[in-house]
């Protein structure tokens, strides 16, 4: 990475679908105003990776994958905890968000989804 240059953050099509699935749950259990606030926070949260791509924790379930997956944990409420899975392409200065994984799902499913 060139010093001072930010990484681009790209949400994959699968992650986009997963994001909207999380939102279905959020809008079902919260007021529209609160749900909208959570939706925006969830999208903005991984943007910190632009400056700090190694901020996330290494995802041990996917450690055999060449992409070296990491995750950020978005904890908004007791019911809403989402693992935001991603990997970094250092040659292109791009971070790929690959999943918004709801914490109530079994971790075993991460391998099938990523």
PDB file of N, CA and C in Angstrom:
ATOM      1  N   UNK A   1       0.839  -1.181   0.000  1.00  0.00           N
ATOM      2  CA  UNK A   1       0.000   0.000   0.000  1.00  0.00           C
ATOM      3  C   UNK A   1       0.880   1.239   0.000  1.00  0.00           C
ATOM      4  N   UNK A   2       0.516   2.184  -0.793  1.00  0.00           N
ATOM      5  CA  UNK A   2       1.218   3.459  -0.819  1.00  0.00           C
ATOM      6  C   UNK A   2       0.850   4.219   0.443  1.00  0.00           C
ATOM      7  N   UNK A   3       1.860   4.740   1.143  1.00  0.00           N
ATOM      8  CA  UNK A   3       1.606   5.428   2.397  1.00  0.00           C
ATOM      9  C   UNK A   3       0.606   6.564   2.213  1.00  0.00           C
ATOM     10  N   UNK A   4      -0.384   6.617   3.106  1.00  0.00           N
ATOM     11  CA  UNK A   4      -1.393   7.650   3.054  1.00  0.00           C
ATOM     12  C   UNK A   4      -2.564   7.338   2.136  1.00  0.00           C
ATOM     13  N   UNK A   5      -2.445   6.290   1.337  1.00  0.00           N
ATOM     14  CA  UNK A   5      -3.535   5.945   0.431  1.00  0.00           C
ATOM     15  C   UNK A   5      -4.552   5.073   1.153  1.00  0.00           C
ATOM     16  N   UNK A   6      -5.814   5.375   0.929  1.00  0.00           N
ATOM     17  CA  UNK A   6      -6.879   4.590   1.531  1.00  0.00           C
ATOM     18  C   UNK A   6      -7.196   3.385   0.662  1.00  0.00           C
ATOM     19  N   UNK A   7      -7.684   2.342   1.324  1.00  0.00           N
ATOM     20  CA  UNK A   7      -8.177   1.178   0.619  1.00  0.00           C
ATOM     21  C   UNK A   7      -9.596   1.452   0.141  1.00  0.00           C
ATOM     22  N   UNK A   8      -9.957   0.855  -0.967  1.00  0.00           N
ATOM     23  CA  UNK A   8     -11.339   0.900  -1.438  1.00  0.00           C
ATOM     24  C   UNK A   8     -12.079  -0.264  -0.774  1.00  0.00           C
ATOM     25  N   UNK A   9     -13.303  -0.045  -0.333  1.00  0.00           N
ATOM     26  CA  UNK A   9     -14.110  -1.098   0.276  1.00  0.00           C
ATOM     27  C   UNK A   9     -15.205  -1.479  -0.712  1.00  0.00           C
ATOM     28  N   UNK A  10     -15.233  -2.764  -1.078  1.00  0.00           N
ATOM     29  CA  UNK A  10     -16.227  -3.281  -2.013  1.00  0.00           C
ATOM     30  C   UNK A  10     -17.056  -4.338  -1.300  1.00  0.00           C
ATOM     31  N   UNK A  11     -18.362  -4.217  -1.395  1.00  0.00           N
ATOM     32  CA  UNK A  11     -19.268  -5.218  -0.827  1.00  0.00           C
ATOM     33  C   UNK A  11     -19.646  -6.163  -1.951  1.00  0.00           C
ATOM     34  N   UNK A  12     -19.355  -7.449  -1.781  1.00  0.00           N
ATOM     35  CA  UNK A  12     -19.672  -8.434  -2.809  1.00  0.00           C
ATOM     36  C   UNK A  12     -21.189  -8.587  -2.929  1.00  0.00           C
ATOM     37  N   UNK A  13     -21.626  -9.167  -4.025  1.00  0.00           N
ATOM     38  CA  UNK A  13     -23.067  -9.353  -4.227  1.00  0.00           C
ATOM     39  C   UNK A  13     -23.658 -10.272  -3.155  1.00  0.00           C
ATOM     40  N   UNK A  14     -22.913 -11.293  -2.742  1.00  0.00           N
ATOM     41  CA  UNK A  14     -23.406 -12.162  -1.682  1.00  0.00           C
ATOM     42  C   UNK A  14     -23.553 -11.385  -0.375  1.00  0.00           C
ATOM     43  N   UNK A  15     -22.564 -10.565  -0.055  1.00  0.00           N
ATOM     44  CA  UNK A  15     -22.617  -9.770   1.179  1.00  0.00           C
ATOM     45  C   UNK A  15     -23.773  -8.782   1.133  1.00  0.00           C
ATOM     46  N   UNK A  16     -24.044  -8.238  -0.037  1.00  0.00           N
ATOM     47  CA  UNK A  16     -25.169  -7.315  -0.161  1.00  0.00           C
ATOM     48  C   UNK A  16     -26.489  -8.029   0.157  1.00  0.00           C
ATOM     49  N   UNK A  17     -26.651  -9.236  -0.366  1.00  0.00           N
ATOM     50  CA  UNK A  17     -27.856 -10.025  -0.063  1.00  0.00           C
ATOM     51  C   UNK A  17     -27.937 -10.325   1.434  1.00  0.00           C
ATOM     52  N   UNK A  18     -26.807 -10.691   2.016  1.00  0.00           N
ATOM     53  CA  UNK A  18     -26.773 -10.991   3.452  1.00  0.00           C
ATOM     54  C   UNK A  18     -27.125  -9.754   4.276  1.00  0.00           C
ATOM     55  N   UNK A  19     -26.647  -8.591   3.849  1.00  0.00           N
ATOM     56  CA  UNK A  19     -26.967  -7.328   4.522  1.00  0.00           C
ATOM     57  C   UNK A  19     -28.480  -7.102   4.541  1.00  0.00           C
ATOM     58  N   UNK A  20     -29.116  -7.298   3.403  1.00  0.00           N
ATOM     59  CA  UNK A  20     -30.564  -7.087   3.336  1.00  0.00           C
ATOM     60  C   UNK A  20     -31.335  -8.134   4.143  1.00  0.00           C
ATOM     61  N   UNK A  21     -30.794  -9.330   4.260  1.00  0.00           N
ATOM     62  CA  UNK A  21     -31.427 -10.344   5.120  1.00  0.00           C
ATOM     63  C   UNK A  21     -31.360  -9.909   6.585  1.00  0.00           C
ATOM     64  N   UNK A  22     -30.238  -9.355   6.989  1.00  0.00           N
ATOM     65  CA  UNK A  22     -30.104  -8.830   8.352  1.00  0.00           C
ATOM     66  C   UNK A  22     -31.114  -7.702   8.560  1.00  0.00           C
ATOM     67  N   UNK A  23     -31.257  -6.846   7.557  1.00  0.00           N
ATOM     68  CA  UNK A  23     -32.192  -5.728   7.679  1.00  0.00           C
ATOM     69  C   UNK A  23     -33.639  -6.187   7.818  1.00  0.00           C
ATOM     70  N   UNK A  24     -33.993  -7.277   7.169  1.00  0.00           N
ATOM     71  CA  UNK A  24     -35.350  -7.808   7.330  1.00  0.00           C
ATOM     72  C   UNK A  24     -35.628  -8.068   8.805  1.00  0.00           C
ATOM     73  N   UNK A  25     -34.676  -8.672   9.471  1.00  0.00           N
ATOM     74  CA  UNK A  25     -34.800  -8.954  10.901  1.00  0.00           C
ATOM     75  C   UNK A  25     -34.872  -7.654  11.700  1.00  0.00           C
ATOM     76  N   UNK A  26     -34.004  -6.719  11.391  1.00  0.00           N
ATOM     77  CA  UNK A  26     -33.941  -5.449  12.111  1.00  0.00           C
ATOM     78  C   UNK A  26     -35.271  -4.694  11.998  1.00  0.00           C
ATOM     79  N   UNK A  27     -35.801  -4.619  10.797  1.00  0.00           N
ATOM     80  CA  UNK A  27     -37.057  -3.889  10.599  1.00  0.00           C
ATOM     81  C   UNK A  27     -38.250  -4.605  11.218  1.00  0.00           C
ATOM     82  N   UNK A  28     -38.146  -5.915  11.369  1.00  0.00           N
ATOM     83  CA  UNK A  28     -39.235  -6.667  11.999  1.00  0.00           C
ATOM     84  C   UNK A  28     -39.320  -6.393  13.500  1.00  0.00           C
ATOM     85  N   UNK A  29     -38.175  -6.203  14.152  1.00  0.00           N
ATOM     86  CA  UNK A  29     -38.143  -6.111  15.609  1.00  0.00           C
ATOM     87  C   UNK A  29     -37.881  -4.711  16.167  1.00  0.00           C
ATOM     88  N   UNK A  30     -37.755  -3.718  15.302  1.00  0.00           N
ATOM     89  CA  UNK A  30     -37.485  -2.366  15.776  1.00  0.00           C
ATOM     90  C   UNK A  30     -38.412  -1.376  15.078  1.00  0.00           C
ATOM     91  N   UNK A  31     -38.505  -0.202  15.656  1.00  0.00           N
ATOM     92  CA  UNK A  31     -39.283   0.853  15.012  1.00  0.00           C
ATOM     93  C   UNK A  31     -38.579   1.233  13.704  1.00  0.00           C
ATOM     94  N   UNK A  32     -39.317   1.761  12.759  1.00  0.00           N
ATOM     95  CA  UNK A  32     -38.674   2.151  11.493  1.00  0.00           C
ATOM     96  C   UNK A  32     -37.510   3.132  11.685  1.00  0.00           C
ATOM     97  N   UNK A  33     -37.668   4.073  12.590  1.00  0.00           N
ATOM     98  CA  UNK A  33     -36.600   5.059  12.829  1.00  0.00           C
ATOM     99  C   UNK A  33     -35.332   4.387  13.373  1.00  0.00           C
ATOM    100  N   UNK A  34     -35.507   3.516  14.372  1.00  0.00           N
ATOM    101  CA  UNK A  34     -34.351   2.824  14.947  1.00  0.00           C
ATOM    102  C   UNK A  34     -33.752   1.849  13.942  1.00  0.00           C
ATOM    103  N   UNK A  35     -34.597   1.159  13.184  1.00  0.00           N
ATOM    104  CA  UNK A  35     -34.105   0.212  12.183  1.00  0.00           C
ATOM    105  C   UNK A  35     -33.282   0.925  11.116  1.00  0.00           C
ATOM    106  N   UNK A  36     -33.737   2.088  10.693  1.00  0.00           N
ATOM    107  CA  UNK A  36     -32.990   2.854   9.695  1.00  0.00           C
ATOM    108  C   UNK A  36     -31.626   3.276  10.234  1.00  0.00           C
ATOM    109  N   UNK A  37     -31.607   3.683  11.486  1.00  0.00           N
ATOM    110  CA  UNK A  37     -30.337   4.071  12.122  1.00  0.00           C
ATOM    111  C   UNK A  37     -29.371   2.880  12.175  1.00  0.00           C
ATOM    112  N   UNK A  38     -29.874   1.714  12.545  1.00  0.00           N
ATOM    113  CA  UNK A  38     -29.032   0.510  12.599  1.00  0.00           C
ATOM    114  C   UNK A  38     -28.538   0.151  11.201  1.00  0.00           C
ATOM    115  N   UNK A  39     -29.406   0.244  10.208  1.00  0.00           N
ATOM    116  CA  UNK A  39     -29.031  -0.082   8.833  1.00  0.00           C
ATOM    117  C   UNK A  39     -27.871   0.788   8.361  1.00  0.00           C
ATOM    118  N   UNK A  40     -27.933   2.072   8.648  1.00  0.00           N
ATOM    119  CA  UNK A  40     -26.867   3.001   8.250  1.00  0.00           C
ATOM    120  C   UNK A  40     -25.584   2.705   9.013  1.00  0.00           C
ATOM    121  N   UNK A  41     -25.692   2.475  10.315  1.00  0.00           N
ATOM    122  CA  UNK A  41     -24.510   2.170  11.131  1.00  0.00           C
ATOM    123  C   UNK A  41     -23.822   0.894  10.645  1.00  0.00           C
ATOM    124  N   UNK A  42     -24.616  -0.110  10.310  1.00  0.00           N
ATOM    125  CA  UNK A  42     -24.052  -1.382   9.851  1.00  0.00           C
ATOM    126  C   UNK A  42     -23.278  -1.211   8.546  1.00  0.00           C
ATOM    127  N   UNK A  43     -23.749  -0.353   7.670  1.00  0.00           N
ATOM    128  CA  UNK A  43     -23.036  -0.093   6.411  1.00  0.00           C
ATOM    129  C   UNK A  43     -21.802   0.768   6.616  1.00  0.00           C
ATOM    130  N   UNK A  44     -21.873   1.724   7.516  1.00  0.00           N
ATOM    131  CA  UNK A  44     -20.732   2.621   7.751  1.00  0.00           C
ATOM    132  C   UNK A  44     -19.628   1.969   8.584  1.00  0.00           C
ATOM    133  N   UNK A  45     -20.011   1.047   9.445  1.00  0.00           N
ATOM    134  CA  UNK A  45     -19.065   0.445  10.388  1.00  0.00           C
ATOM    135  C   UNK A  45     -17.789  -0.092   9.717  1.00  0.00           C
ATOM    136  N   UNK A  46     -17.882  -0.875   8.636  1.00  0.00           N
ATOM    137  CA  UNK A  46     -16.641  -1.404   8.051  1.00  0.00           C
ATOM    138  C   UNK A  46     -15.789  -0.384   7.303  1.00  0.00           C
ATOM    139  N   UNK A  47     -16.263   0.848   7.150  1.00  0.00           N
ATOM    140  CA  UNK A  47     -15.472   1.852   6.442  1.00  0.00           C
ATOM    141  C   UNK A  47     -14.197   2.235   7.187  1.00  0.00           C
ATOM    142  N   UNK A  48     -14.127   1.921   8.477  1.00  0.00           N
ATOM    143  CA  UNK A  48     -12.890   2.149   9.243  1.00  0.00           C
ATOM    144  C   UNK A  48     -11.726   1.353   8.636  1.00  0.00           C
ATOM    145  N   UNK A  49     -12.072   0.294   7.917  1.00  0.00           N
ATOM    146  CA  UNK A  49     -11.043  -0.548   7.297  1.00  0.00           C
ATOM    147  C   UNK A  49     -10.280   0.191   6.200  1.00  0.00           C
ATOM    148  N   UNK A  50     -10.832   1.251   5.665  1.00  0.00           N
ATOM    149  CA  UNK A  50     -10.134   2.023   4.636  1.00  0.00           C
ATOM    150  C   UNK A  50      -8.752   2.444   5.112  1.00  0.00           C
ATOM    151  N   UNK A  51      -8.659   2.830   6.377  1.00  0.00           N
ATOM    152  CA  UNK A  51      -7.372   3.247   6.933  1.00  0.00           C
ATOM    153  C   UNK A  51      -6.691   2.128   7.725  1.00  0.00           C
ATOM    154  N   UNK A  52      -7.472   1.182   8.241  1.00  0.00           N
ATOM    155  CA  UNK A  52      -6.935   0.142   9.114  1.00  0.00           C
ATOM    156  C   UNK A  52      -7.392  -1.237   8.648  1.00  0.00           C
ATOM    157  N   UNK A  53      -6.866  -1.736   7.524  1.00  0.00           N
ATOM    158  CA  UNK A  53      -7.346  -3.001   6.963  1.00  0.00           C
ATOM    159  C   UNK A  53      -7.104  -4.233   7.837  1.00  0.00           C
ATOM    160  N   UNK A  54      -6.142  -4.162   8.732  1.00  0.00           N
ATOM    161  CA  UNK A  54      -5.857  -5.310   9.605  1.00  0.00           C
ATOM    162  C   UNK A  54      -6.571  -5.210  10.946  1.00  0.00           C
ATOM    163  N   UNK A  55      -7.497  -4.290  11.065  1.00  0.00           N
ATOM    164  CA  UNK A  55      -8.179  -4.059  12.330  1.00  0.00           C
ATOM    165  C   UNK A  55      -8.970  -5.279  12.794  1.00  0.00           C
ATOM    166  N   UNK A  56      -9.560  -6.007  11.865  1.00  0.00           N
ATOM    167  CA  UNK A  56     -10.400  -7.139  12.218  1.00  0.00           C
ATOM    168  C   UNK A  56      -9.622  -8.326  12.752  1.00  0.00           C
ATOM    169  N   UNK A  57     -10.344  -9.197  13.416  1.00  0.00           N
ATOM    170  CA  UNK A  57      -9.800 -10.430  13.968  1.00  0.00           C
ATOM    171  C   UNK A  57      -9.729 -11.485  12.864  1.00  0.00           C
ATOM    172  N   UNK A  58      -8.687 -12.285  12.855  1.00  0.00           N
ATOM    173  CA  UNK A  58      -8.567 -13.368  11.874  1.00  0.00           C
ATOM    174  C   UNK A  58      -9.683 -14.376  12.135  1.00  0.00           C
ATOM    175  N   UNK A  59     -10.380 -14.784  11.074  1.00  0.00           N
ATOM    176  CA  UNK A  59     -11.464 -15.758  11.183  1.00  0.00           C
ATOM    177  C   UNK A  59     -10.858 -17.153  11.109  1.00  0.00           C
ATOM    178  N   UNK A  60     -10.749 -17.797  12.260  1.00  0.00           N
ATOM    179  CA  UNK A  60     -10.094 -19.103  12.357  1.00  0.00           C
ATOM    180  C   UNK A  60     -10.810 -20.182  11.558  1.00  0.00           C
ATOM    181  N   UNK A  61     -12.114 -20.068  11.429  1.00  0.00           N
ATOM    182  CA  UNK A  61     -12.874 -21.072  10.678  1.00  0.00           C
ATOM    183  C   UNK A  61     -12.461 -21.081   9.207  1.00  0.00           C
ATOM    184  N   UNK A  62     -11.966 -19.966   8.715  1.00  0.00           N
ATOM    185  CA  UNK A  62     -11.573 -19.857   7.304  1.00  0.00           C
ATOM    186  C   UNK A  62     -10.070 -19.715   7.121  1.00  0.00           C
ATOM    187  N   UNK A  63      -9.294 -20.057   8.134  1.00  0.00           N
ATOM    188  CA  UNK A  63      -7.854 -19.794   8.064  1.00  0.00           C
ATOM    189  C   UNK A  63      -7.122 -20.591   6.991  1.00  0.00           C
ATOM    190  N   UNK A  64      -7.714 -21.678   6.491  1.00  0.00           N
ATOM    191  CA  UNK A  64      -7.040 -22.445   5.437  1.00  0.00           C
ATOM    192  C   UNK A  64      -7.215 -21.797   4.066  1.00  0.00           C
ATOM    193  N   UNK A  65      -8.091 -20.812   3.974  1.00  0.00           N
ATOM    194  CA  UNK A  65      -8.341 -20.137   2.700  1.00  0.00           C
ATOM    195  C   UNK A  65      -7.198 -19.177   2.394  1.00  0.00           C
ATOM    196  N   UNK A  66      -6.819 -19.057   1.138  1.00  0.00           N
ATOM    197  CA  UNK A  66      -5.694 -18.176   0.789  1.00  0.00           C
ATOM    198  C   UNK A  66      -5.989 -16.691   1.010  1.00  0.00           C
ATOM    199  N   UNK A  67      -7.265 -16.305   1.079  1.00  0.00           N
ATOM    200  CA  UNK A  67      -7.615 -14.888   1.207  1.00  0.00           C
ATOM    201  C   UNK A  67      -7.338 -14.305   2.589  1.00  0.00           C
ATOM    202  N   UNK A  68      -7.111 -15.138   3.585  1.00  0.00           N
ATOM    203  CA  UNK A  68      -6.844 -14.660   4.951  1.00  0.00           C
ATOM    204  C   UNK A  68      -7.996 -13.784   5.469  1.00  0.00           C
ATOM    205  N   UNK A  69      -9.131 -14.413   5.628  1.00  0.00           N
ATOM    206  CA  UNK A  69     -10.329 -13.713   6.077  1.00  0.00           C
ATOM    207  C   UNK A  69     -10.169 -13.153   7.484  1.00  0.00           C
ATOM    208  N   UNK A  70     -10.787 -12.004   7.693  1.00  0.00           N
ATOM    209  CA  UNK A  70     -10.872 -11.354   8.989  1.00  0.00           C
ATOM    210  C   UNK A  70     -12.333 -10.972   9.207  1.00  0.00           C
ATOM    211  N   UNK A  71     -12.638 -10.532  10.425  1.00  0.00           N
ATOM    212  CA  UNK A  71     -13.986 -10.041  10.665  1.00  0.00           C
ATOM    213  C   UNK A  71     -13.992  -8.900  11.668  1.00  0.00           C
ATOM    214  N   UNK A  72     -15.007  -8.069  11.526  1.00  0.00           N
ATOM    215  CA  UNK A  72     -15.344  -7.040  12.507  1.00  0.00           C
ATOM    216  C   UNK A  72     -16.641  -7.491  13.156  1.00  0.00           C
ATOM    217  N   UNK A  73     -16.802  -7.205  14.424  1.00  0.00           N
ATOM    218  CA  UNK A  73     -18.028  -7.566  15.122  1.00  0.00           C
ATOM    219  C   UNK A  73     -18.847  -6.303  15.362  1.00  0.00           C
ATOM    220  N   UNK A  74     -20.004  -6.261  14.750  1.00  0.00           N
ATOM    221  CA  UNK A  74     -20.927  -5.147  14.898  1.00  0.00           C
ATOM    222  C   UNK A  74     -21.941  -5.533  15.964  1.00  0.00           C
ATOM    223  N   UNK A  75     -21.867  -4.886  17.121  1.00  0.00           N
ATOM    224  CA  UNK A  75     -22.778  -5.182  18.223  1.00  0.00           C
ATOM    225  C   UNK A  75     -23.639  -3.953  18.470  1.00  0.00           C
ATOM    226  N   UNK A  76     -24.861  -4.004  17.982  1.00  0.00           N
ATOM    227  CA  UNK A  76     -25.749  -2.857  18.132  1.00  0.00           C
ATOM    228  C   UNK A  76     -26.699  -3.036  19.309  1.00  0.00           C
ATOM    229  N   UNK A  77     -27.252  -4.225  19.440  1.00  0.00           N
ATOM    230  CA  UNK A  77     -28.136  -4.547  20.555  1.00  0.00           C
ATOM    231  C   UNK A  77     -27.854  -5.991  20.958  1.00  0.00           C
ATOM    232  N   UNK A  78     -28.502  -6.459  22.014  1.00  0.00           N
ATOM    233  CA  UNK A  78     -28.319  -7.865  22.401  1.00  0.00           C
ATOM    234  C   UNK A  78     -28.754  -8.802  21.291  1.00  0.00           C
ATOM    235  N   UNK A  79     -29.772  -8.411  20.564  1.00  0.00           N
ATOM    236  CA  UNK A  79     -30.287  -9.257  19.492  1.00  0.00           C
ATOM    237  C   UNK A  79     -29.538  -9.080  18.178  1.00  0.00           C
ATOM    238  N   UNK A  80     -28.870  -7.977  18.024  1.00  0.00           N
ATOM    239  CA  UNK A  80     -28.232  -7.692  16.742  1.00  0.00           C
ATOM    240  C   UNK A  80     -26.718  -7.648  16.913  1.00  0.00           C
ATOM    241  N   UNK A  81     -26.102  -8.770  16.621  1.00  0.00           N
ATOM    242  CA  UNK A  81     -24.651  -8.856  16.560  1.00  0.00           C
ATOM    243  C   UNK A  81     -24.328  -9.514  15.221  1.00  0.00           C
ATOM    244  N   UNK A  82     -23.512  -8.843  14.431  1.00  0.00           N
ATOM    245  CA  UNK A  82     -23.229  -9.304  13.077  1.00  0.00           C
ATOM    246  C   UNK A  82     -21.719  -9.363  12.881  1.00  0.00           C
ATOM    247  N   UNK A  83     -21.239 -10.495  12.353  1.00  0.00           N
ATOM    248  CA  UNK A  83     -19.841 -10.615  11.941  1.00  0.00           C
ATOM    249  C   UNK A  83     -19.755 -10.099  10.516  1.00  0.00           C
ATOM    250  N   UNK A  84     -18.919  -9.113  10.304  1.00  0.00           N
ATOM    251  CA  UNK A  84     -18.693  -8.589   8.961  1.00  0.00           C
ATOM    252  C   UNK A  84     -17.387  -9.216   8.481  1.00  0.00           C
ATOM    253  N   UNK A  85     -17.508 -10.184   7.583  1.00  0.00           N
ATOM    254  CA  UNK A  85     -16.337 -10.912   7.084  1.00  0.00           C
ATOM    255  C   UNK A  85     -15.750 -10.210   5.874  1.00  0.00           C
ATOM    256  N   UNK A  86     -14.411 -10.212   5.801  1.00  0.00           N
ATOM    257  CA  UNK A  86     -13.739  -9.538   4.691  1.00  0.00           C
ATOM    258  C   UNK A  86     -12.346 -10.102   4.490  1.00  0.00           C
ATOM    259  N   UNK A  87     -11.780  -9.800   3.320  1.00  0.00           N
ATOM    260  CA  UNK A  87     -10.365 -10.056   3.086  1.00  0.00           C
ATOM    261  C   UNK A  87      -9.788  -8.863   2.333  1.00  0.00           C
ATOM    262  N   UNK A  88      -8.472  -8.751   2.382  1.00  0.00           N
ATOM    263  CA  UNK A  88      -7.779  -7.593   1.810  1.00  0.00           C
ATOM    264  C   UNK A  88      -6.946  -8.031   0.618  1.00  0.00           C
ATOM    265  N   UNK A  89      -7.080  -7.312  -0.472  1.00  0.00           N
ATOM    266  CA  UNK A  89      -6.213  -7.490  -1.637  1.00  0.00           C
ATOM    267  C   UNK A  89      -5.216  -6.334  -1.594  1.00  0.00           C
ATOM    268  N   UNK A  90      -4.017  -6.613  -1.070  1.00  0.00           N
ATOM    269  CA  UNK A  90      -3.022  -5.559  -0.874  1.00  0.00           C
ATOM    270  C   UNK A  90      -2.441  -5.046  -2.189  1.00  0.00           C
ATOM    271  N   UNK A  91      -2.420  -5.892  -3.226  1.00  0.00           N
ATOM    272  CA  UNK A  91      -1.885  -5.452  -4.513  1.00  0.00           C
ATOM    273  C   UNK A  91      -2.772  -4.381  -5.149  1.00  0.00           C
ATOM    274  N   UNK A  92      -4.080  -4.496  -4.941  1.00  0.00           N
ATOM    275  CA  UNK A  92      -5.021  -3.545  -5.536  1.00  0.00           C
ATOM    276  C   UNK A  92      -5.536  -2.506  -4.538  1.00  0.00           C
ATOM    277  N   UNK A  93      -5.128  -2.636  -3.272  1.00  0.00           N
ATOM    278  CA  UNK A  93      -5.630  -1.752  -2.201  1.00  0.00           C
ATOM    279  C   UNK A  93      -7.152  -1.797  -2.109  1.00  0.00           C
ATOM    280  N   UNK A  94      -7.676  -3.025  -2.113  1.00  0.00           N
ATOM    281  CA  UNK A  94      -9.116  -3.229  -2.054  1.00  0.00           C
ATOM    282  C   UNK A  94      -9.456  -4.173  -0.910  1.00  0.00           C
ATOM    283  N   UNK A  95     -10.511  -3.840  -0.189  1.00  0.00           N
ATOM    284  CA  UNK A  95     -11.058  -4.701   0.856  1.00  0.00           C
ATOM    285  C   UNK A  95     -12.393  -5.215   0.342  1.00  0.00           C
ATOM    286  N   UNK A  96     -12.538  -6.543   0.349  1.00  0.00           N
ATOM    287  CA  UNK A  96     -13.779  -7.167  -0.098  1.00  0.00           C
ATOM    288  C   UNK A  96     -14.580  -7.618   1.115  1.00  0.00           C
ATOM    289  N   UNK A  97     -15.740  -7.003   1.323  1.00  0.00           N
ATOM    290  CA  UNK A  97     -16.668  -7.462   2.354  1.00  0.00           C
ATOM    291  C   UNK A  97     -17.414  -8.631   1.727  1.00  0.00           C
ATOM    292  N   UNK A  98     -17.322  -9.801   2.348  1.00  0.00           N
ATOM    293  CA  UNK A  98     -17.911 -11.003   1.745  1.00  0.00           C
ATOM    294  C   UNK A  98     -19.174 -11.487   2.438  1.00  0.00           C
ATOM    295  N   UNK A  99     -19.431 -11.014   3.667  1.00  0.00           N
ATOM    296  CA  UNK A  99     -20.616 -11.497   4.370  1.00  0.00           C
ATOM    297  C   UNK A  99     -20.962 -10.590   5.547  1.00  0.00           C
ATOM    298  N   UNK A 100     -22.240 -10.488   5.794  1.00  0.00           N
ATOM    299  CA  UNK A 100     -22.778  -9.928   7.033  1.00  0.00           C
ATOM    300  C   UNK A 100     -23.443 -11.112   7.708  1.00  0.00           C
ATOM    301  N   UNK A 101     -22.743 -11.706   8.653  1.00  0.00           N
ATOM    302  CA  UNK A 101     -23.136 -12.990   9.226  1.00  0.00           C
ATOM    303  C   UNK A 101     -23.794 -12.781  10.588  1.00  0.00           C
ATOM    304  N   UNK A 102     -25.114 -13.033  10.695  1.00  0.00           N
ATOM    305  CA  UNK A 102     -25.794 -12.853  11.982  1.00  0.00           C
ATOM    306  C   UNK A 102     -25.264 -13.810  13.034  1.00  0.00           C
ATOM    307  N   UNK A 103     -25.051 -13.301  14.228  1.00  0.00           N
ATOM    308  CA  UNK A 103     -24.441 -14.106  15.286  1.00  0.00           C
ATOM    309  C   UNK A 103     -25.299 -15.283  15.723  1.00  0.00           C
ATOM    310  N   UNK A 104     -26.611 -15.212  15.488  1.00  0.00           N
ATOM    311  CA  UNK A 104     -27.441 -16.329  15.923  1.00  0.00           C
ATOM    312  C   UNK A 104     -27.306 -17.539  15.004  1.00  0.00           C
ATOM    313  N   UNK A 105     -26.659 -17.389  13.862  1.00  0.00           N
ATOM    314  CA  UNK A 105     -26.405 -18.538  12.987  1.00  0.00           C
ATOM    315  C   UNK A 105     -25.214 -19.319  13.524  1.00  0.00           C
ATOM    316  N   UNK A 106     -25.172 -20.592  13.216  1.00  0.00           N
ATOM    317  CA  UNK A 106     -24.050 -21.417  13.642  1.00  0.00           C
ATOM    318  C   UNK A 106     -22.790 -21.036  12.876  1.00  0.00           C
ATOM    319  N   UNK A 107     -21.672 -20.949  13.591  1.00  0.00           N
ATOM    320  CA  UNK A 107     -20.406 -20.583  12.950  1.00  0.00           C
ATOM    321  C   UNK A 107     -20.019 -21.549  11.838  1.00  0.00           C
ATOM    322  N   UNK A 108     -20.448 -22.813  11.918  1.00  0.00           N
ATOM    323  CA  UNK A 108     -20.117 -23.794  10.882  1.00  0.00           C
ATOM    324  C   UNK A 108     -20.574 -23.313   9.507  1.00  0.00           C
ATOM    325  N   UNK A 109     -21.622 -22.519   9.468  1.00  0.00           N
ATOM    326  CA  UNK A 109     -22.168 -22.057   8.199  1.00  0.00           C
ATOM    327  C   UNK A 109     -21.281 -21.024   7.516  1.00  0.00           C
ATOM    328  N   UNK A 110     -20.337 -20.465   8.232  1.00  0.00           N
ATOM    329  CA  UNK A 110     -19.437 -19.480   7.625  1.00  0.00           C
ATOM    330  C   UNK A 110     -18.687 -20.096   6.444  1.00  0.00           C
ATOM    331  N   UNK A 111     -18.209 -21.336   6.589  1.00  0.00           N
ATOM    332  CA  UNK A 111     -17.466 -21.980   5.499  1.00  0.00           C
ATOM    333  C   UNK A 111     -18.330 -22.128   4.260  1.00  0.00           C
ATOM    334  N   UNK A 112     -19.577 -22.459   4.440  1.00  0.00           N
ATOM    335  CA  UNK A 112     -20.469 -22.648   3.291  1.00  0.00           C
ATOM    336  C   UNK A 112     -20.779 -21.324   2.604  1.00  0.00           C
ATOM    337  N   UNK A 113     -20.761 -20.243   3.363  1.00  0.00           N
ATOM    338  CA  UNK A 113     -21.160 -18.938   2.844  1.00  0.00           C
ATOM    339  C   UNK A 113     -19.992 -18.160   2.242  1.00  0.00           C
ATOM    340  N   UNK A 114     -18.764 -18.500   2.575  1.00  0.00           N
ATOM    341  CA  UNK A 114     -17.605 -17.721   2.117  1.00  0.00           C
ATOM    342  C   UNK A 114     -16.614 -18.583   1.365  1.00  0.00           C
TER     343      UNK A 114
END
